[in-house]
PDB file of N, CA and C in Angstrom:
ATOM      1  N   MET A   1      24.714   7.095  -8.603  1.00  0.00           N
ATOM      2  CA  MET A   1      24.268   5.670  -8.474  1.00  0.00           C
ATOM      3  C   MET A   1      23.064   5.588  -7.511  1.00  0.00           C
ATOM      4  N   LEU A   2      23.142   6.466  -6.485  1.00  0.00           N
ATOM      5  CA  LEU A   2      22.162   6.490  -5.420  1.00  0.00           C
ATOM      6  C   LEU A   2      20.852   6.898  -6.035  1.00  0.00           C
ATOM      7  N   ARG A   3      20.883   7.870  -6.910  1.00  0.00           N
ATOM      8  CA  ARG A   3      19.775   8.429  -7.580  1.00  0.00           C
ATOM      9  C   ARG A   3      19.087   7.315  -8.415  1.00  0.00           C
ATOM     10  N   PHE A   4      19.956   6.545  -9.189  1.00  0.00           N
ATOM     11  CA  PHE A   4      19.380   5.471  -9.915  1.00  0.00           C
ATOM     12  C   PHE A   4      18.754   4.435  -9.156  1.00  0.00           C
ATOM     13  N   ALA A   5      19.373   4.118  -8.085  1.00  0.00           N
ATOM     14  CA  ALA A   5      18.748   3.081  -7.136  1.00  0.00           C
ATOM     15  C   ALA A   5      17.434   3.518  -6.650  1.00  0.00           C
ATOM     16  N   THR A   6      17.325   4.817  -6.251  1.00  0.00           N
ATOM     17  CA  THR A   6      16.073   5.404  -5.666  1.00  0.00           C
ATOM     18  C   THR A   6      15.078   5.396  -6.764  1.00  0.00           C
ATOM     19  N   ASP A   7      15.368   5.789  -8.006  1.00  0.00           N
ATOM     20  CA  ASP A   7      14.414   5.788  -9.034  1.00  0.00           C
ATOM     21  C   ASP A   7      13.897   4.309  -9.418  1.00  0.00           C
ATOM     22  N   GLY A   8      14.831   3.348  -9.402  1.00  0.00           N
ATOM     23  CA  GLY A   8      14.455   1.893  -9.593  1.00  0.00           C
ATOM     24  C   GLY A   8      13.507   1.368  -8.517  1.00  0.00           C
ATOM     25  N   ILE A   9      13.771   1.759  -7.309  1.00  0.00           N
ATOM     26  CA  ILE A   9      12.889   1.247  -6.276  1.00  0.00           C
ATOM     27  C   ILE A   9      11.486   1.956  -6.198  1.00  0.00           C
ATOM     28  N   LEU A  10      11.463   3.269  -6.453  1.00  0.00           N
ATOM     29  CA  LEU A  10      10.203   4.093  -6.386  1.00  0.00           C
ATOM     30  C   LEU A  10       9.432   4.002  -7.656  1.00  0.00           C
ATOM     31  N   SER A  11      10.047   3.792  -8.780  1.00  0.00           N
ATOM     32  CA  SER A  11       9.287   3.819 -10.024  1.00  0.00           C
ATOM     33  C   SER A  11       8.659   2.518 -10.442  1.00  0.00           C
ATOM     34  N   PHE A  12       9.251   1.442  -9.958  1.00  0.00           N
ATOM     35  CA  PHE A  12       8.732   0.091 -10.501  1.00  0.00           C
ATOM     36  C   PHE A  12       8.023  -0.721  -9.432  1.00  0.00           C
ATOM     37  N   SER A  13       7.804  -0.139  -8.217  1.00  0.00           N
ATOM     38  CA  SER A  13       7.266  -1.030  -7.201  1.00  0.00           C
ATOM     39  C   SER A  13       6.381  -0.133  -6.257  1.00  0.00           C
ATOM     40  N   THR A  14       5.358  -0.804  -5.737  1.00  0.00           N
ATOM     41  CA  THR A  14       4.490  -0.188  -4.769  1.00  0.00           C
ATOM     42  C   THR A  14       4.935  -0.671  -3.336  1.00  0.00           C
ATOM     43  N   LYS A  15       6.087  -1.334  -3.246  1.00  0.00           N
ATOM     44  CA  LYS A  15       6.529  -1.904  -1.886  1.00  0.00           C
ATOM     45  C   LYS A  15       6.800  -0.680  -0.859  1.00  0.00           C
ATOM     46  N   PRO A  16       7.459   0.392  -1.391  1.00  0.00           N
ATOM     47  CA  PRO A  16       7.558   1.427  -0.363  1.00  0.00           C
ATOM     48  C   PRO A  16       6.323   1.992   0.236  1.00  0.00           C
ATOM     49  N   LEU A  17       5.137   2.007  -0.545  1.00  0.00           N
ATOM     50  CA  LEU A  17       3.875   2.339   0.010  1.00  0.00           C
ATOM     51  C   LEU A  17       3.402   1.410   1.075  1.00  0.00           C
ATOM     52  N   GLN A  18       3.684   0.096   0.794  1.00  0.00           N
ATOM     53  CA  GLN A  18       3.191  -0.919   1.811  1.00  0.00           C
ATOM     54  C   GLN A  18       4.001  -0.799   3.024  1.00  0.00           C
ATOM     55  N   ILE A  19       5.338  -0.572   2.942  1.00  0.00           N
ATOM     56  CA  ILE A  19       6.144  -0.302   4.088  1.00  0.00           C
ATOM     57  C   ILE A  19       5.743   0.868   4.830  1.00  0.00           C
ATOM     58  N   SER A  20       5.392   1.948   4.189  1.00  0.00           N
ATOM     59  CA  SER A  20       4.851   3.116   4.827  1.00  0.00           C
ATOM     60  C   SER A  20       3.508   2.920   5.527  1.00  0.00           C
ATOM     61  N   ILE A  21       2.678   2.047   5.010  1.00  0.00           N
ATOM     62  CA  ILE A  21       1.454   1.637   5.697  1.00  0.00           C
ATOM     63  C   ILE A  21       1.793   0.941   6.997  1.00  0.00           C
ATOM     64  N   GLY A  22       2.770   0.123   6.992  1.00  0.00           N
ATOM     65  CA  GLY A  22       3.165  -0.615   8.197  1.00  0.00           C
ATOM     66  C   GLY A  22       3.742   0.431   9.189  1.00  0.00           C
ATOM     67  N   PHE A  23       4.471   1.292   8.744  1.00  0.00           N
ATOM     68  CA  PHE A  23       5.070   2.342   9.730  1.00  0.00           C
ATOM     69  C   PHE A  23       3.904   3.199  10.320  1.00  0.00           C
ATOM     70  N   GLY A  24       2.846   3.534   9.544  1.00  0.00           N
ATOM     71  CA  GLY A  24       1.714   4.202  10.090  1.00  0.00           C
ATOM     72  C   GLY A  24       0.945   3.429  11.091  1.00  0.00           C
ATOM     73  N   MET A  25       0.852   2.149  10.801  1.00  0.00           N
ATOM     74  CA  MET A  25       0.158   1.324  11.705  1.00  0.00           C
ATOM     75  C   MET A  25       0.945   1.136  13.080  1.00  0.00           C
ATOM     76  N   LEU A  26       2.310   1.154  12.985  1.00  0.00           N
ATOM     77  CA  LEU A  26       3.196   1.016  14.093  1.00  0.00           C
ATOM     78  C   LEU A  26       3.021   2.257  14.949  1.00  0.00           C
ATOM     79  N   CYS A  27       3.049   3.455  14.433  1.00  0.00           N
ATOM     80  CA  CYS A  27       2.993   4.701  15.111  1.00  0.00           C
ATOM     81  C   CYS A  27       1.581   4.786  15.780  1.00  0.00           C
ATOM     82  N   ALA A  28       0.442   4.336  15.077  1.00  0.00           N
ATOM     83  CA  ALA A  28      -0.789   4.440  15.680  1.00  0.00           C
ATOM     84  C   ALA A  28      -0.927   3.428  16.830  1.00  0.00           C
ATOM     85  N   SER A  29      -0.332   2.202  16.696  1.00  0.00           N
ATOM     86  CA  SER A  29      -0.363   1.160  17.717  1.00  0.00           C
ATOM     87  C   SER A  29       0.504   1.651  19.011  1.00  0.00           C
ATOM     88  N   ILE A  30       1.654   2.307  18.710  1.00  0.00           N
ATOM     89  CA  ILE A  30       2.384   2.886  19.888  1.00  0.00           C
ATOM     90  C   ILE A  30       1.688   3.923  20.667  1.00  0.00           C
ATOM     91  N   ALA A  31       0.998   4.729  19.860  1.00  0.00           N
ATOM     92  CA  ALA A  31       0.157   5.793  20.554  1.00  0.00           C
ATOM     93  C   ALA A  31      -1.026   5.152  21.260  1.00  0.00           C
ATOM     94  N   LEU A  32      -1.588   4.088  20.819  1.00  0.00           N
ATOM     95  CA  LEU A  32      -2.710   3.404  21.484  1.00  0.00           C
ATOM     96  C   LEU A  32      -2.196   2.799  22.773  1.00  0.00           C
ATOM     97  N   VAL A  33      -1.048   2.139  22.722  1.00  0.00           N
ATOM     98  CA  VAL A  33      -0.375   1.689  24.024  1.00  0.00           C
ATOM     99  C   VAL A  33      -0.233   2.812  24.999  1.00  0.00           C
ATOM    100  N   GLY A  34       0.300   3.952  24.450  1.00  0.00           N
ATOM    101  CA  GLY A  34       0.473   5.099  25.442  1.00  0.00           C
ATOM    102  C   GLY A  34      -0.813   5.574  25.971  1.00  0.00           C
ATOM    103  N   ILE A  35      -1.857   5.651  25.178  1.00  0.00           N
ATOM    104  CA  ILE A  35      -3.173   6.044  25.771  1.00  0.00           C
ATOM    105  C   ILE A  35      -3.686   5.036  26.757  1.00  0.00           C
ATOM    106  N   LEU A  36      -3.567   3.775  26.546  1.00  0.00           N
ATOM    107  CA  LEU A  36      -3.941   2.772  27.459  1.00  0.00           C
ATOM    108  C   LEU A  36      -3.158   2.909  28.787  1.00  0.00           C
ATOM    109  N   TYR A  37      -1.828   3.110  28.676  1.00  0.00           N
ATOM    110  CA  TYR A  37      -0.981   3.339  29.887  1.00  0.00           C
ATOM    111  C   TYR A  37      -1.362   4.639  30.617  1.00  0.00           C
ATOM    112  N   ALA A  38      -1.630   5.641  29.879  1.00  0.00           N
ATOM    113  CA  ALA A  38      -2.037   6.902  30.639  1.00  0.00           C
ATOM    114  C   ALA A  38      -3.406   6.767  31.401  1.00  0.00           C
ATOM    115  N   LEU A  39      -4.306   6.064  30.673  1.00  0.00           N
ATOM    116  CA  LEU A  39      -5.606   5.801  31.297  1.00  0.00           C
ATOM    117  C   LEU A  39      -5.472   4.953  32.571  1.00  0.00           C
ATOM    118  N   PHE A  40      -4.599   3.883  32.469  1.00  0.00           N
ATOM    119  CA  PHE A  40      -4.395   2.963  33.580  1.00  0.00           C
ATOM    120  C   PHE A  40      -3.782   3.740  34.790  1.00  0.00           C
ATOM    121  N   VAL A  41      -2.804   4.517  34.470  1.00  0.00           N
ATOM    122  CA  VAL A  41      -2.096   5.325  35.524  1.00  0.00           C
ATOM    123  C   VAL A  41      -3.062   6.272  36.233  1.00  0.00           C
ATOM    124  N   ARG A  42      -3.909   6.943  35.368  1.00  0.00           N
ATOM    125  CA  ARG A  42      -4.883   7.939  35.814  1.00  0.00           C
ATOM    126  C   ARG A  42      -5.928   7.286  36.709  1.00  0.00           C
ATOM    127  N   LEU A  43      -6.437   6.182  36.291  1.00  0.00           N
ATOM    128  CA  LEU A  43      -7.585   5.513  37.042  1.00  0.00           C
ATOM    129  C   LEU A  43      -7.183   4.749  38.169  1.00  0.00           C
ATOM    130  N   PHE A  44      -6.049   4.088  38.116  1.00  0.00           N
ATOM    131  CA  PHE A  44      -5.672   3.096  39.196  1.00  0.00           C
ATOM    132  C   PHE A  44      -4.468   3.536  40.156  1.00  0.00           C
ATOM    133  N   THR A  45      -3.903   4.651  39.912  1.00  0.00           N
ATOM    134  CA  THR A  45      -2.860   5.164  40.757  1.00  0.00           C
ATOM    135  C   THR A  45      -3.112   6.467  41.241  1.00  0.00           C
ATOM    136  N   SER A  46      -2.307   6.924  42.217  1.00  0.00           N
ATOM    137  CA  SER A  46      -2.486   8.306  42.598  1.00  0.00           C
ATOM    138  C   SER A  46      -1.629   9.321  41.756  1.00  0.00           C
ATOM    139  N   ASN A  47      -0.672   8.726  41.160  1.00  0.00           N
ATOM    140  CA  ASN A  47       0.176   9.559  40.194  1.00  0.00           C
ATOM    141  C   ASN A  47      -0.512   9.452  38.848  1.00  0.00           C
ATOM    142  N   TRP A  48      -0.577  10.533  38.138  1.00  0.00           N
ATOM    143  CA  TRP A  48      -0.995  10.467  36.702  1.00  0.00           C
ATOM    144  C   TRP A  48      -0.140  11.190  35.796  1.00  0.00           C
ATOM    145  N   VAL A  49      -0.381  11.014  34.617  1.00  0.00           N
ATOM    146  CA  VAL A  49       0.533  11.475  33.502  1.00  0.00           C
ATOM    147  C   VAL A  49       0.227  12.989  33.338  1.00  0.00           C
ATOM    148  N   GLU A  50       1.251  13.894  33.180  1.00  0.00           N
ATOM    149  CA  GLU A  50       0.993  15.255  33.014  1.00  0.00           C
ATOM    150  C   GLU A  50       0.537  15.605  31.651  1.00  0.00           C
ATOM    151  N   GLY A  51       0.159  16.835  31.432  1.00  0.00           N
ATOM    152  CA  GLY A  51      -0.507  17.249  30.165  1.00  0.00           C
ATOM    153  C   GLY A  51       0.387  17.033  28.911  1.00  0.00           C
ATOM    154  N   TRP A  52       1.666  17.230  28.973  1.00  0.00           N
ATOM    155  CA  TRP A  52       2.490  17.132  27.792  1.00  0.00           C
ATOM    156  C   TRP A  52       2.404  15.700  27.232  1.00  0.00           C
ATOM    157  N   THR A  53       2.305  14.680  28.096  1.00  0.00           N
ATOM    158  CA  THR A  53       2.251  13.362  27.563  1.00  0.00           C
ATOM    159  C   THR A  53       0.929  13.114  26.676  1.00  0.00           C
ATOM    160  N   ALA A  54      -0.132  13.624  27.174  1.00  0.00           N
ATOM    161  CA  ALA A  54      -1.372  13.527  26.398  1.00  0.00           C
ATOM    162  C   ALA A  54      -1.253  14.156  25.040  1.00  0.00           C
ATOM    163  N   ILE A  55      -0.548  15.304  24.964  1.00  0.00           N
ATOM    164  CA  ILE A  55      -0.423  16.038  23.690  1.00  0.00           C
ATOM    165  C   ILE A  55       0.479  15.157  22.722  1.00  0.00           C
ATOM    166  N   ILE A  56       1.604  14.660  23.297  1.00  0.00           N
ATOM    167  CA  ILE A  56       2.501  13.812  22.415  1.00  0.00           C
ATOM    168  C   ILE A  56       1.746  12.642  21.943  1.00  0.00           C
ATOM    169  N   ILE A  57       0.965  12.014  22.856  1.00  0.00           N
ATOM    170  CA  ILE A  57       0.232  10.690  22.437  1.00  0.00           C
ATOM    171  C   ILE A  57      -0.753  11.096  21.329  1.00  0.00           C
ATOM    172  N   ALA A  58      -1.435  12.171  21.466  1.00  0.00           N
ATOM    173  CA  ALA A  58      -2.397  12.606  20.501  1.00  0.00           C
ATOM    174  C   ALA A  58      -1.807  12.952  19.147  1.00  0.00           C
ATOM    175  N   VAL A  59      -0.716  13.591  19.186  1.00  0.00           N
ATOM    176  CA  VAL A  59       0.003  13.883  17.920  1.00  0.00           C
ATOM    177  C   VAL A  59       0.536  12.683  17.396  1.00  0.00           C
ATOM    178  N   LEU A  60       1.118  11.715  18.033  1.00  0.00           N
ATOM    179  CA  LEU A  60       1.543  10.481  17.463  1.00  0.00           C
ATOM    180  C   LEU A  60       0.450   9.576  16.925  1.00  0.00           C
ATOM    181  N   PHE A  61      -0.735   9.623  17.584  1.00  0.00           N
ATOM    182  CA  PHE A  61      -1.785   8.773  17.045  1.00  0.00           C
ATOM    183  C   PHE A  61      -2.346   9.441  15.755  1.00  0.00           C
ATOM    184  N   MET A  62      -2.549  10.722  15.834  1.00  0.00           N
ATOM    185  CA  MET A  62      -3.079  11.406  14.656  1.00  0.00           C
ATOM    186  C   MET A  62      -2.111  11.293  13.452  1.00  0.00           C
ATOM    187  N   GLY A  63      -0.893  11.362  13.724  1.00  0.00           N
ATOM    188  CA  GLY A  63       0.185  11.270  12.688  1.00  0.00           C
ATOM    189  C   GLY A  63       0.098   9.865  12.043  1.00  0.00           C
ATOM    190  N   GLY A  64      -0.056   8.883  12.916  1.00  0.00           N
ATOM    191  CA  GLY A  64      -0.134   7.473  12.439  1.00  0.00           C
ATOM    192  C   GLY A  64      -1.338   7.249  11.617  1.00  0.00           C
ATOM    193  N   VAL A  65      -2.464   7.807  11.995  1.00  0.00           N
ATOM    194  CA  VAL A  65      -3.661   7.598  11.286  1.00  0.00           C
ATOM    195  C   VAL A  65      -3.618   8.358   9.934  1.00  0.00           C
ATOM    196  N   GLN A  66      -3.036   9.495   9.932  1.00  0.00           N
ATOM    197  CA  GLN A  66      -2.905  10.219   8.659  1.00  0.00           C
ATOM    198  C   GLN A  66      -1.988   9.574   7.698  1.00  0.00           C
ATOM    199  N   LEU A  67      -0.825   9.038   8.311  1.00  0.00           N
ATOM    200  CA  LEU A  67       0.119   8.300   7.377  1.00  0.00           C
ATOM    201  C   LEU A  67      -0.642   7.062   6.833  1.00  0.00           C
ATOM    202  N   MET A  68      -1.465   6.391   7.561  1.00  0.00           N
ATOM    203  CA  MET A  68      -2.149   5.230   7.017  1.00  0.00           C
ATOM    204  C   MET A  68      -3.109   5.637   5.954  1.00  0.00           C
ATOM    205  N   THR A  69      -3.802   6.664   6.188  1.00  0.00           N
ATOM    206  CA  THR A  69      -4.906   7.056   5.123  1.00  0.00           C
ATOM    207  C   THR A  69      -4.110   7.577   3.933  1.00  0.00           C
ATOM    208  N   ILE A  70      -3.080   8.323   3.996  1.00  0.00           N
ATOM    209  CA  ILE A  70      -2.370   8.783   2.861  1.00  0.00           C
ATOM    210  C   ILE A  70      -1.831   7.662   2.058  1.00  0.00           C
ATOM    211  N   ASP A  71      -1.350   6.613   2.819  1.00  0.00           N
ATOM    212  CA  ASP A  71      -0.755   5.449   2.106  1.00  0.00           C
ATOM    213  C   ASP A  71      -1.763   4.592   1.457  1.00  0.00           C
ATOM    214  N   ILE A  72      -2.969   4.549   1.951  1.00  0.00           N
ATOM    215  CA  ILE A  72      -4.114   3.834   1.269  1.00  0.00           C
ATOM    216  C   ILE A  72      -4.350   4.625  -0.007  1.00  0.00           C
ATOM    217  N   LEU A  73      -4.473   5.846  -0.058  1.00  0.00           N
ATOM    218  CA  LEU A  73      -4.608   6.608  -1.261  1.00  0.00           C
ATOM    219  C   LEU A  73      -3.502   6.363  -2.169  1.00  0.00           C
ATOM    220  N   GLY A  74      -2.172   6.343  -1.762  1.00  0.00           N
ATOM    221  CA  GLY A  74      -1.094   6.070  -2.531  1.00  0.00           C
ATOM    222  C   GLY A  74      -1.156   4.679  -3.132  1.00  0.00           C
ATOM    223  N   GLU A  75      -1.652   3.739  -2.422  1.00  0.00           N
ATOM    224  CA  GLU A  75      -1.851   2.411  -2.892  1.00  0.00           C
ATOM    225  C   GLU A  75      -2.786   2.365  -4.021  1.00  0.00           C
ATOM    226  N   TYR A  76      -3.897   3.036  -3.968  1.00  0.00           N
ATOM    227  CA  TYR A  76      -4.775   3.195  -5.062  1.00  0.00           C
ATOM    228  C   TYR A  76      -4.138   3.818  -6.311  1.00  0.00           C
ATOM    229  N   VAL A  77      -3.373   4.892  -6.065  1.00  0.00           N
ATOM    230  CA  VAL A  77      -2.678   5.504  -7.189  1.00  0.00           C
ATOM    231  C   VAL A  77      -1.627   4.550  -7.794  1.00  0.00           C
ATOM    232  N   GLY A  78      -0.939   3.752  -7.041  1.00  0.00           N
ATOM    233  CA  GLY A  78      -0.098   2.725  -7.527  1.00  0.00           C
ATOM    234  C   GLY A  78      -0.742   1.731  -8.336  1.00  0.00           C
ATOM    235  N   ARG A  79      -1.944   1.231  -7.889  1.00  0.00           N
ATOM    236  CA  ARG A  79      -2.698   0.250  -8.666  1.00  0.00           C
ATOM    237  C   ARG A  79      -3.206   0.896 -10.010  1.00  0.00           C
ATOM    238  N   ILE A  80      -3.586   2.107  -9.914  1.00  0.00           N
ATOM    239  CA  ILE A  80      -4.048   2.774 -11.184  1.00  0.00           C
ATOM    240  C   ILE A  80      -2.897   2.871 -12.187  1.00  0.00           C
ATOM    241  N   TYR A  81      -1.673   3.183 -11.639  1.00  0.00           N
ATOM    242  CA  TYR A  81      -0.406   3.258 -12.420  1.00  0.00           C
ATOM    243  C   TYR A  81      -0.134   1.975 -13.113  1.00  0.00           C
ATOM    244  N   ASN A  82      -0.270   0.905 -12.324  1.00  0.00           N
ATOM    245  CA  ASN A  82       0.011  -0.394 -12.880  1.00  0.00           C
ATOM    246  C   ASN A  82      -1.070  -0.818 -13.993  1.00  0.00           C
ATOM    247  N   GLU A  83      -2.232  -0.304 -13.811  1.00  0.00           N
ATOM    248  CA  GLU A  83      -3.339  -0.679 -14.770  1.00  0.00           C
ATOM    249  C   GLU A  83      -3.242   0.122 -15.956  1.00  0.00           C
ATOM    250  N   ILE A  84      -2.808   1.351 -16.020  1.00  0.00           N
ATOM    251  CA  ILE A  84      -2.712   2.157 -17.172  1.00  0.00           C
ATOM    252  C   ILE A  84      -1.438   1.883 -18.097  1.00  0.00           C
ATOM    253  N   LYS A  85      -0.520   0.920 -17.559  1.00  0.00           N
ATOM    254  CA  LYS A  85       0.507   0.508 -18.370  1.00  0.00           C
ATOM    255  C   LYS A  85       0.073  -0.430 -19.491  1.00  0.00           C
ATOM    256  N   LYS A  86      -1.069  -1.003 -19.318  1.00  0.00           N
ATOM    257  CA  LYS A  86      -1.770  -1.909 -20.249  1.00  0.00           C
ATOM    258  C   LYS A  86      -1.036  -3.103 -20.524  1.00  0.00           C
ATOM    259  N   ARG A  87      -0.326  -3.580 -19.607  1.00  0.00           N
ATOM    260  CA  ARG A  87       0.395  -4.866 -19.689  1.00  0.00           C
ATOM    261  C   ARG A  87      -0.522  -6.008 -19.373  1.00  0.00           C
ATOM    262  N   PRO A  88      -0.381  -7.102 -20.099  1.00  0.00           N
ATOM    263  CA  PRO A  88      -1.311  -8.228 -19.886  1.00  0.00           C
ATOM    264  C   PRO A  88      -1.121  -8.855 -18.486  1.00  0.00           C
ATOM    265  N   LEU A  89      -2.224  -9.496 -17.972  1.00  0.00           N
ATOM    266  CA  LEU A  89      -2.125 -10.057 -16.723  1.00  0.00           C
ATOM    267  C   LEU A  89      -1.308 -11.300 -16.724  1.00  0.00           C
ATOM    268  N   TYR A  90      -1.206 -12.017 -17.939  1.00  0.00           N
ATOM    269  CA  TYR A  90      -0.386 -13.211 -18.143  1.00  0.00           C
ATOM    270  C   TYR A  90      -0.052 -13.216 -19.648  1.00  0.00           C
ATOM    271  N   VAL A  91       0.999 -14.116 -19.827  1.00  0.00           N
ATOM    272  CA  VAL A  91       1.459 -14.307 -21.185  1.00  0.00           C
ATOM    273  C   VAL A  91       1.416 -15.785 -21.535  1.00  0.00           C
ATOM    274  N   VAL A  92       0.747 -16.191 -22.529  1.00  0.00           N
ATOM    275  CA  VAL A  92       0.576 -17.612 -23.009  1.00  0.00           C
ATOM    276  C   VAL A  92       1.809 -17.943 -23.768  1.00  0.00           C
ATOM    277  N   GLN A  93       2.566 -19.058 -23.219  1.00  0.00           N
ATOM    278  CA  GLN A  93       3.737 -19.413 -23.856  1.00  0.00           C
ATOM    279  C   GLN A  93       3.401 -20.377 -24.964  1.00  0.00           C
ATOM    280  N   GLU A  94       2.484 -21.286 -24.755  1.00  0.00           N
ATOM    281  CA  GLU A  94       2.137 -22.358 -25.769  1.00  0.00           C
ATOM    282  C   GLU A  94       0.796 -22.755 -25.752  1.00  0.00           C
ATOM    283  N   TYR A  95       0.134 -22.885 -26.924  1.00  0.00           N
ATOM    284  CA  TYR A  95      -1.305 -23.429 -27.062  1.00  0.00           C
ATOM    285  C   TYR A  95      -1.191 -24.753 -27.321  1.00  0.00           C
ATOM    286  N   ILE A  96      -1.967 -25.626 -26.578  1.00  0.00           N
ATOM    287  CA  ILE A  96      -2.006 -27.030 -26.714  1.00  0.00           C
ATOM    288  C   ILE A  96      -3.483 -27.391 -26.966  1.00  0.00           C
ATOM    289  N   GLY A  97      -3.661 -28.231 -27.982  1.00  0.00           N
ATOM    290  CA  GLY A  97      -5.061 -28.655 -28.351  1.00  0.00           C
ATOM    291  C   GLY A  97      -5.923 -27.745 -29.192  1.00  0.00           C
ATOM    292  N   PHE A  98      -5.340 -26.887 -29.836  1.00  0.00           N
ATOM    293  CA  PHE A  98      -6.051 -25.920 -30.804  1.00  0.00           C
ATOM    294  C   PHE A  98      -5.475 -26.129 -32.145  1.00  0.00           C
ATOM    295  N   LYS A  99      -6.348 -25.918 -33.204  1.00  0.00           N
ATOM    296  CA  LYS A  99      -5.821 -26.127 -34.613  1.00  0.00           C
ATOM    297  C   LYS A  99      -4.877 -25.055 -34.915  1.00  0.00           C
ATOM    298  N   GLU A 100      -5.104 -23.837 -34.613  1.00  0.00           N
ATOM    299  CA  GLU A 100      -4.126 -22.820 -34.930  1.00  0.00           C
ATOM    300  C   GLU A 100      -3.426 -22.371 -33.561  1.00  0.00           C
ATOM    301  N   SER A 101      -2.335 -21.896 -33.658  1.00  0.00           N
ATOM    302  CA  SER A 101      -1.718 -21.508 -32.343  1.00  0.00           C
ATOM    303  C   SER A 101      -1.105 -20.055 -32.567  1.00  0.00           C
ATOM    304  N   GLY A 102      -0.767 -19.367 -31.538  1.00  0.00           N
ATOM    305  CA  GLY A 102      -0.150 -18.111 -31.556  1.00  0.00           C
ATOM    306  C   GLY A 102      -1.107 -16.974 -31.788  1.00  0.00           C
ATOM    307  N   PRO A 103      -0.562 -15.798 -32.173  1.00  0.00           N
ATOM    308  CA  PRO A 103      -1.395 -14.588 -32.256  1.00  0.00           C
ATOM    309  C   PRO A 103      -2.484 -14.676 -33.304  1.00  0.00           C
ATOM    310  N   ALA A 104      -2.357 -15.686 -34.261  1.00  0.00           N
ATOM    311  CA  ALA A 104      -3.392 -15.728 -35.246  1.00  0.00           C
ATOM    312  C   ALA A 104      -4.725 -16.155 -34.757  1.00  0.00           C
ATOM    313  N   MET A 105      -4.850 -16.602 -33.531  1.00  0.00           N
ATOM    314  CA  MET A 105      -5.953 -17.075 -32.850  1.00  0.00           C
ATOM    315  C   MET A 105      -6.800 -15.944 -32.228  1.00  0.00           C
ATOM    316  N   SER A 106      -6.615 -14.736 -32.804  1.00  0.00           N
ATOM    317  CA  SER A 106      -7.379 -13.657 -32.213  1.00  0.00           C
ATOM    318  C   SER A 106      -8.892 -13.720 -32.514  1.00  0.00           C
ATOM    319  N   ARG A 107      -9.705 -13.109 -31.765  1.00  0.00           N
ATOM    320  CA  ARG A 107     -11.116 -13.151 -31.983  1.00  0.00           C
ATOM    321  C   ARG A 107     -11.552 -12.004 -32.884  1.00  0.00           C
ATOM    322  N   SER A 108     -11.120 -12.014 -34.201  1.00  0.00           N
ATOM    323  CA  SER A 108     -11.468 -11.015 -35.056  1.00  0.00           C
ATOM    324  C   SER A 108     -12.709 -11.470 -35.795  1.00  0.00           C
ATOM    325  N   PRO A 109     -13.507 -10.434 -36.262  1.00  0.00           N
ATOM    326  CA  PRO A 109     -14.721 -10.809 -36.901  1.00  0.00           C
ATOM    327  C   PRO A 109     -14.499 -11.505 -38.206  1.00  0.00           C
ATOM    328  N   VAL A 110     -15.484 -12.371 -38.583  1.00  0.00           N
ATOM    329  CA  VAL A 110     -15.311 -13.087 -39.900  1.00  0.00           C
ATOM    330  C   VAL A 110     -15.733 -12.212 -41.031  1.00  0.00           C
ATOM    331  N   VAL A 111     -14.900 -12.171 -42.080  1.00  0.00           N
ATOM    332  CA  VAL A 111     -15.152 -11.328 -43.215  1.00  0.00           C
ATOM    333  C   VAL A 111     -15.384 -12.034 -44.448  1.00  0.00           C
ATOM    334  N   ASN A 112     -16.473 -12.037 -45.028  1.00  0.00           N
ATOM    335  CA  ASN A 112     -16.740 -12.704 -46.359  1.00  0.00           C
ATOM    336  C   ASN A 112     -16.703 -14.251 -46.176  1.00  0.00           C
ATOM    337  N   GLY A 113     -17.044 -14.804 -45.108  1.00  0.00           N
ATOM    338  CA  GLY A 113     -17.187 -16.260 -44.827  1.00  0.00           C
ATOM    339  C   GLY A 113     -15.724 -16.816 -44.486  1.00  0.00           C
ATOM    340  N   LYS A 114     -14.766 -16.080 -44.403  1.00  0.00           N
ATOM    341  CA  LYS A 114     -13.455 -16.611 -44.157  1.00  0.00           C
ATOM    342  C   LYS A 114     -13.140 -16.515 -42.756  1.00  0.00           C
TER     343      LYS A 114
END
């Protein structure tokens, strides 16, 4: 049942991609706060952050940026997937004010004056 739930969530929605974009932005913003903290400590105090902190901040920032860019590409793929299903943008339930109604109102070419 867990497999069916996972397929249902991932196959019919682009919401996981949007959640992943948010997670990437969160990682990048946490890294940005860390960068600002490290710069503040280095410039305005006598104690500064050791080298391993800078490496962790850089890895977190680059990971967040990579996650965001991959998710943007995934969002494009999701929109392409929705487009190739060839579903209509809307469905007309009722025609009001037309002589004919329903599917017979298609824009087919006139043949023999009819």
